[in-house]
N, C-alpha and C. Protein backbone atom coordinates (compact mmCIF):
# COMPACT_ATOMS: atom_id res chain seq x y z
N UNK A 1 -50.49 13.00 16.05
CA UNK A 1 -50.51 14.88 15.52
C UNK A 1 -52.13 14.53 15.07
N UNK A 2 -52.45 15.88 15.82
CA UNK A 2 -53.98 16.33 14.94
C UNK A 2 -53.80 16.47 13.64
N UNK A 3 -54.48 16.53 12.60
CA UNK A 3 -54.34 17.34 11.77
C UNK A 3 -55.40 18.20 11.50
N UNK A 4 -55.38 19.76 11.52
CA UNK A 4 -56.56 20.11 11.19
C UNK A 4 -56.23 20.96 9.74
N UNK A 5 -57.61 21.36 9.05
CA UNK A 5 -57.46 21.94 7.63
C UNK A 5 -58.55 22.88 8.18
N UNK A 6 -58.74 24.13 7.56
CA UNK A 6 -59.47 24.74 7.48
C UNK A 6 -59.99 25.58 5.69
N UNK A 7 -61.11 25.50 5.11
CA UNK A 7 -61.32 25.22 3.88
C UNK A 7 -61.63 27.18 3.47
N UNK A 8 -61.20 27.52 2.23
CA UNK A 8 -61.20 28.84 2.05
C UNK A 8 -62.63 29.22 1.31
N UNK A 9 -63.07 30.17 1.06
CA UNK A 9 -63.98 30.18 0.51
C UNK A 9 -63.79 30.20 -1.23
N UNK A 10 -65.00 29.45 -1.85
CA UNK A 10 -64.58 28.94 -3.29
C UNK A 10 -63.58 27.33 -3.42
N UNK A 11 -63.79 26.68 -2.45
CA UNK A 11 -63.37 25.63 -2.22
C UNK A 11 -62.08 25.58 -1.75
N UNK A 12 -61.36 26.64 -1.86
CA UNK A 12 -59.67 26.67 -2.07
C UNK A 12 -59.52 25.86 -0.13
N UNK A 13 -58.24 25.30 -0.72
CA UNK A 13 -58.21 24.83 0.56
C UNK A 13 -56.56 25.44 1.43
N UNK A 14 -57.18 25.94 2.44
CA UNK A 14 -55.31 26.13 3.30
C UNK A 14 -54.04 25.56 2.98
N UNK A 15 -54.43 24.24 3.39
CA UNK A 15 -53.74 23.11 3.40
C UNK A 15 -53.67 22.93 5.25
N UNK A 16 -53.02 21.34 5.17
CA UNK A 16 -53.36 20.75 6.87
C UNK A 16 -52.19 21.30 7.95
N UNK A 17 -52.09 21.19 8.51
CA UNK A 17 -51.50 22.21 9.79
C UNK A 17 -51.03 20.40 10.90
N UNK A 18 -50.11 20.66 10.98
CA UNK A 18 -50.15 19.56 13.00
C UNK A 18 -49.81 20.21 13.91
N UNK A 19 -50.51 19.72 14.84
CA UNK A 19 -51.17 19.96 15.65
C UNK A 19 -50.18 19.54 16.64
N UNK A 20 -49.78 19.65 17.92
CA UNK A 20 -48.78 18.10 18.58
C UNK A 20 -50.55 18.19 20.01
N UNK A 21 -50.20 17.08 19.75
CA UNK A 21 -51.46 15.80 21.04
C UNK A 21 -51.56 16.63 22.25
N UNK A 22 -52.66 17.12 22.18
CA UNK A 22 -52.93 17.16 23.96
C UNK A 22 -52.33 16.19 24.73
N UNK A 23 -51.33 16.26 25.81
CA UNK A 23 -51.44 15.12 26.83
C UNK A 23 -51.12 15.85 28.30
N UNK A 24 -50.60 15.59 29.07
CA UNK A 24 -50.31 15.91 30.86
C UNK A 24 -48.58 15.30 30.53
N UNK A 25 -48.03 14.99 29.35
CA UNK A 25 -46.85 14.89 29.91
C UNK A 25 -45.83 15.63 28.60
N UNK A 26 -47.38 16.48 27.97
CA UNK A 26 -46.20 17.17 26.61
C UNK A 26 -45.27 18.01 26.90
N UNK A 27 -43.82 18.08 26.42
CA UNK A 27 -42.50 18.96 26.89
C UNK A 27 -43.21 19.95 25.46
N UNK A 28 -42.68 21.59 25.43
CA UNK A 28 -42.97 22.75 25.27
C UNK A 28 -41.25 22.63 23.93
N UNK A 29 -41.07 21.56 23.33
CA UNK A 29 -39.87 22.31 22.36
C UNK A 29 -39.92 23.09 21.31
N UNK A 30 -38.88 23.66 20.83
CA UNK A 30 -39.03 24.50 19.88
C UNK A 30 -40.43 24.76 19.00
N UNK A 31 -39.75 23.03 18.17
CA UNK A 31 -40.75 23.09 17.06
C UNK A 31 -41.50 22.86 17.68
N UNK A 32 -42.36 22.06 18.71
CA UNK A 32 -43.87 22.38 19.23
C UNK A 32 -44.20 23.85 19.54
N UNK A 33 -43.53 24.43 19.32
CA UNK A 33 -43.98 26.05 20.19
C UNK A 33 -44.26 26.41 18.32
N UNK A 34 -43.11 25.81 18.02
CA UNK A 34 -43.13 26.82 16.70
C UNK A 34 -44.45 26.79 15.22
N UNK A 35 -44.98 24.73 15.90
CA UNK A 35 -46.35 24.58 15.05
C UNK A 35 -47.39 25.46 15.90
N UNK A 36 -47.52 25.53 17.34
CA UNK A 36 -48.41 25.90 17.95
C UNK A 36 -48.34 28.05 16.96
N UNK A 37 -47.70 28.16 17.21
CA UNK A 37 -47.93 30.10 17.01
C UNK A 37 -48.07 29.82 15.48
N UNK A 38 -47.78 29.25 14.67
CA UNK A 38 -48.05 29.04 12.71
C UNK A 38 -50.15 28.99 12.71
N UNK A 39 -49.95 27.99 13.52
CA UNK A 39 -51.40 27.62 13.45
C UNK A 39 -52.15 28.57 14.05
N UNK A 40 -51.45 29.80 15.23
CA UNK A 40 -52.05 30.40 15.30
C UNK A 40 -52.19 31.81 14.00
N UNK A 41 -51.29 32.17 13.79
CA UNK A 41 -50.96 33.25 12.70
C UNK A 41 -52.00 32.37 11.56
N UNK A 42 -52.20 31.41 11.32
CA UNK A 42 -52.67 31.40 10.09
C UNK A 42 -54.25 31.09 9.98
N UNK A 43 -54.60 31.23 11.77
CA UNK A 43 -55.86 31.13 12.01
C UNK A 43 -56.80 29.83 12.31
N UNK A 44 -55.93 28.14 12.27
CA UNK A 44 -56.53 27.18 12.24
C UNK A 44 -56.34 26.51 13.63
N UNK A 45 -56.13 27.50 14.66
CA UNK A 45 -56.92 27.24 16.11
C UNK A 45 -57.04 28.96 16.46
N UNK A 46 -57.84 28.92 17.02
CA UNK A 46 -58.05 30.68 18.16
C UNK A 46 -56.92 30.36 19.16
N UNK A 47 -56.28 31.33 19.83
CA UNK A 47 -56.07 31.26 20.98
C UNK A 47 -56.73 30.84 22.04
N UNK A 48 -57.57 31.05 22.84
CA UNK A 48 -58.95 30.60 23.24
C UNK A 48 -58.73 29.26 23.47
N UNK A 49 -58.76 28.58 21.88
CA UNK A 49 -59.08 27.42 21.61
C UNK A 49 -57.41 26.39 22.41
N UNK A 50 -56.55 27.17 22.12
CA UNK A 50 -55.15 27.03 22.18
C UNK A 50 -54.65 26.18 23.42
N UNK A 51 -55.11 27.80 24.05
CA UNK A 51 -55.47 27.96 25.75
C UNK A 51 -56.08 26.96 26.31
N UNK A 52 -56.64 26.63 26.11
CA UNK A 52 -57.73 25.25 27.08
C UNK A 52 -57.50 24.38 26.59
N UNK A 53 -56.81 23.82 25.43
CA UNK A 53 -56.51 22.36 24.60
C UNK A 53 -54.82 22.26 25.17
N UNK A 54 -54.54 23.07 25.89
CA UNK A 54 -52.85 22.67 26.21
C UNK A 54 -52.42 23.17 27.32
N UNK A 55 -53.71 23.53 27.96
CA UNK A 55 -53.30 23.93 29.65
C UNK A 55 -52.55 25.04 29.38
N UNK A 56 -52.02 26.50 29.15
CA UNK A 56 -51.45 27.45 28.13
C UNK A 56 -52.26 28.43 28.29
N UNK A 57 -51.48 29.65 29.52
CA UNK A 57 -52.20 31.18 30.31
C UNK A 57 -52.18 31.86 28.25
N UNK A 58 -53.14 32.38 27.55
CA UNK A 58 -52.46 33.37 27.07
C UNK A 58 -51.26 33.83 26.25
N UNK A 59 -51.08 34.10 28.16
CA UNK A 59 -49.38 35.04 28.36
C UNK A 59 -48.66 34.77 27.75
N UNK A 60 -48.95 32.53 27.49
CA UNK A 60 -47.53 32.50 27.66
C UNK A 60 -47.13 32.20 25.93
N UNK A 61 -48.46 32.30 25.42
CA UNK A 61 -48.62 31.93 24.28
C UNK A 61 -48.60 33.25 23.26
N UNK A 62 -48.53 33.78 23.49
CA UNK A 62 -48.12 35.16 23.14
C UNK A 62 -46.54 36.05 23.06
N UNK A 63 -45.85 35.07 24.20
CA UNK A 63 -44.52 35.04 24.52
C UNK A 63 -43.74 34.69 23.79
N UNK A 64 -44.17 33.64 23.87
CA UNK A 64 -43.51 32.30 22.59
C UNK A 64 -43.76 33.55 21.47
N UNK A 65 -44.88 33.65 21.25
CA UNK A 65 -45.16 33.74 19.55
C UNK A 65 -43.74 35.78 19.57
N UNK A 66 -43.98 36.53 20.66
CA UNK A 66 -43.16 38.03 20.48
C UNK A 66 -41.64 37.66 20.50
N UNK A 67 -41.14 36.45 20.86
CA UNK A 67 -39.72 36.25 21.17
C UNK A 67 -39.67 35.61 20.33
N UNK A 68 -40.23 34.55 19.27
CA UNK A 68 -40.28 34.64 17.69
C UNK A 68 -39.96 35.56 16.72
N UNK A 69 -41.16 36.01 17.35
CA UNK A 69 -41.06 37.30 16.40
C UNK A 69 -39.47 38.54 15.90
N UNK A 70 -39.39 38.25 16.92
CA UNK A 70 -38.32 39.04 17.47
C UNK A 70 -36.84 38.27 16.92
N UNK A 71 -36.50 37.12 17.31
CA UNK A 71 -36.00 36.66 17.84
C UNK A 71 -35.30 35.61 17.01
N UNK A 72 -36.41 34.79 16.29
CA UNK A 72 -36.65 33.66 15.32
C UNK A 72 -36.82 32.39 16.29
N UNK A 73 -36.57 30.75 15.78
CA UNK A 73 -36.64 29.63 16.31
C UNK A 73 -35.77 30.36 17.56
N UNK A 74 -34.78 30.83 17.76
CA UNK A 74 -33.70 30.91 18.95
C UNK A 74 -34.82 31.22 20.45
N UNK A 75 -35.47 32.42 19.80
CA UNK A 75 -36.39 32.99 21.23
C UNK A 75 -37.53 31.75 21.58
N UNK A 76 -37.41 30.90 21.13
CA UNK A 76 -38.32 30.02 21.60
C UNK A 76 -37.83 29.06 22.75
N UNK A 77 -36.10 28.64 22.69
CA UNK A 77 -35.47 28.20 23.23
C UNK A 77 -35.84 28.18 25.05
N UNK A 78 -36.59 27.33 25.46
CA UNK A 78 -36.26 27.50 27.49
C UNK A 78 -35.59 28.84 27.75
N UNK A 79 -34.55 28.34 27.27
CA UNK A 79 -33.55 29.43 27.89
C UNK A 79 -33.58 31.06 27.48
N UNK A 80 -34.48 31.48 26.39
CA UNK A 80 -34.38 32.51 25.52
C UNK A 80 -34.19 33.45 26.12
N UNK A 81 -35.38 33.27 27.32
CA UNK A 81 -35.45 34.37 27.85
C UNK A 81 -33.99 35.41 28.42
N UNK A 82 -33.71 34.63 29.57
CA UNK A 82 -32.21 34.58 29.90
C UNK A 82 -31.24 35.05 28.70
N UNK A 83 -31.04 34.39 27.49
CA UNK A 83 -30.12 34.50 26.62
C UNK A 83 -30.55 35.82 25.50
N UNK A 84 -31.61 36.83 25.52
CA UNK A 84 -31.06 37.77 25.13
C UNK A 84 -31.65 39.20 25.92
N UNK A 85 -30.64 40.60 25.92
CA UNK A 85 -31.79 41.41 27.18
C UNK A 85 -32.16 41.62 26.26
N UNK A 86 -32.81 43.20 27.33
CA UNK A 86 -33.35 43.94 26.54
C UNK A 86 -33.78 45.00 26.01
N UNK A 87 -32.13 45.01 24.97
CA UNK A 87 -32.42 45.63 23.70
C UNK A 87 -32.88 44.97 22.72
N UNK A 88 -32.77 43.50 22.57
CA UNK A 88 -32.88 42.63 21.83
C UNK A 88 -31.97 42.05 21.32
N UNK A 89 -30.21 41.99 22.37
CA UNK A 89 -29.28 41.65 21.65
C UNK A 89 -29.04 40.11 22.14
N UNK A 90 -28.95 39.55 21.40
CA UNK A 90 -27.76 38.03 22.45
C UNK A 90 -26.69 38.54 23.00
N UNK A 91 -26.70 37.79 24.47
CA UNK A 91 -25.67 38.29 25.36
C UNK A 91 -24.16 37.12 25.29
N UNK A 92 -24.15 35.79 24.38
CA UNK A 92 -23.90 35.36 24.03
C UNK A 92 -23.02 35.68 22.86
């Protein structure tokens, strides 16, 4: 994994965040999606950089973020879109 850290003013350190290593066969499992979303929200990586690094669209990443905000980790499942109705409740 690539470790990225950002320093705050007064040399305070936010900490380290693990980002998935870009590769042609990278599978976007729930934990990797969550890592990327957390890194974006913390400002460790920009949306533009994430799109470029991982060959993803901004719409794809933002849909992951939106589903995670509404449904938690379950919203990041590959079948997550199918499991939730338009009113935000689980279908099962």
